[in-house]
Structure formats: C-alpha cells, structure tokens
Amino acid sequence: QGCAQKYIVKNYFYYYLFKFSAALGEEIFYITFLPFTYWNIDHSVSRRMIIIWSIVMYIGQVSKDILKWPRPLSPPVVKLEMRTDAEYGMPSTHAMAATAISFSFFIATMNQYKYPFELGLGAAFVFSTLVCLSRLYTGMHTVLDVIGGALISAVLLVLLYPAWDMIDHLLLTSPFCPLLSVVVPLVLCYNYPKLDYYSPTRGDTTTILGAGAGATVGFWLNNQYAAPAYTSKNFQLGFPLITSKIAVVVLARFFVGIFVVLLTRQLMKSVVLGMLRYRYKFPIGDLEARRRLEVEVPYKFITYSSVGFSATVIVPLLHELLGLM
C-alpha cells in the first residue's frame, strides 16, 4: 500500500474523463459547487443540499469502518489513487455524495424553476453515473461498493424528503440550532468508530461535519439578523435571460467568494494547528501527532466550520459591500 503502480494509458479520453469525474466527489468540488449555489442560485436549495450531504456522508463513512469490507485487490486492478487506499471500500462515499448532491439539487429545484423535467433528471443521472463509473475505472471500488453507495444514498433521500421543510424550518428558527449544530457533530466526531490502524475516514468525516456545522450556524444567523441575499427572484435557473451582465455578476460573486473561503481555510489551518502544537507540544512536521484524536478532531472541525461560516455569512456580507447583490 502507498506505492504507485506503473501503468500505460491507452485511452486518454476515458482516463481524463474519469479522473475528472472522480474529482466531482472530492473536496475541490464540495468547496466550489455547494457555496456557488448559495451565492448565486437559491439559499433554500443550498441549505437542503448541504444538510443532505452532511448526513449521507457521515452515514457512509461510519458504515465503511463498521463493515470493514476491503477495497479491490491490486493486482489485478490498477489503482490510480493512493490517498484513500487505506480506507475500507463498502459503501462508496463518492457514489453516495454524487447521488445525494445531484438528486437533491434536482428535487429542490424542479418545482421552483422553469426547466424541462427530463433535462434535470437526465443531468442528475449522468452526473451520479459518471462519478460512480470513475470509482471503478480508478480501481478504488468494486461494482458492489458503488451500487451499495448509490442505493443507500437513494434510500436516505426518500426517507429524508418528507421532513425537508420541517428540518429546514427548525434550522432557521430554533433558538437551539447554533448550539446543537456544533455540539452534535462534535460528539459524533469524538465518538467515531475506532480502527486498529490510522485511516483518513475520521478526518474526512470531521471535515464534512465541521463544514456543515459552520454553514448551519450561518444559515441561522442570516435568517435571524439579515434579509436573504439571493433568492429565486434574483436569479432564475434555466435558459431565458442569462445576460452578459448577470454572467459577470455571477462570476464575480464566485471568485470573490472562493478567494475568501480559501483564505479562511489556510488562515484557520495555520492558527488552529499552531495552538494545538503549543498545547500538546509536538513539532510541526510530526504527522503521527496530527493524527491523534485530540489533535485531528479540533484541527479539522474548527478549520472547516470556519470555512462553512465564512461561506454563508462573511462572503454574502462582502458581496453586499462590493455591490454584487
């Protein structure tokens, strides 16, 4: 494990297609697409996607470390990724995230915006299918892992859909929302299933729950103290009237927002890790120390909750200040 295999690419179209598709289930996609929907499309759509994504990913990550099904053997498969090779395989959280995000976006928008039903359904299906196939192509999952992940995500969507509006209302109006949004994820992170060896699943889960916690607190604060910044009245999905002016504003919001989000992430990583190094007395390059529970959980949680909060509160305020509303 951890040694890259030598391979020859015979079809560059499939190679780059599925390498790109695999990235649609990773942090680079989450940190761009999910905030984009909040800044430019609809707050309610973004809220639903982030909550569903957090729940689905937590269940998927925990399921891996409870079931402990191994990833495909290599050889015979060639693994094109190494970072997640230490994780167990079942279910595929890439498949779960892709299914949850694409279909929750479709369900949340199909009754609010004017676009062909078949187009939305087809786009959700193609998106999730590409991500699922990428896990097979890169050698990271079996067919059963991928099917299991997609089915678990679909079942969770069906079970959660009737409660969407109620959950959304409670997150926006309950006075206990900020406290519960932080305490519950932290309890889950500190009580994550223990393994005999280190796996990045606990750190990744903490990252996801931290981002969801920060965003949820931001949703609550915005509803309590600020008018919604962008609603369906400002920006309509679909093909009519996407003018050059709207496109410029959308891109400006996106690039300003991403700059602030990435700056927040880098700054908080440095600050939090520095404080934890001072508290637990370990050198800057000590990777094993950073993997300890008392270091990894606060490091990841505080950093990414700050990212979620920044994306939902700080960035919209900056948009308003810059006249990008």
Foldseek 3Di string as FASTA:
>chain_A
DQDADDDDDPDVVLVVLLVVLQCCLDDVVVLFVLLLCQQANAVLLSLLLLVLLLVLLLVQLLVQVVVVAAADDPVVDHAPDDQQNPTHQAAPSSLLSLLSNLVSSLVVPVVPADDDNVVSVVVSVVSSVSNLVSCVNNRGHDPCNNVRSNVVNVVSCVVCVVCSVVVLVCLQDPPCNLVCLQVVLLVCLLPRDDDPDDGCSSLVSLLSSLLSSLQSVLNNCCSVPHDRLDHCVRPGPDDPDPDPVSVVLSVVLSVLLSVQLVVLLVVLLVVLLVVVCVVVVDDPPPPVVCRDSVNSNVNSNVSNSSSNNCSRHVSSVVCVVVVSD
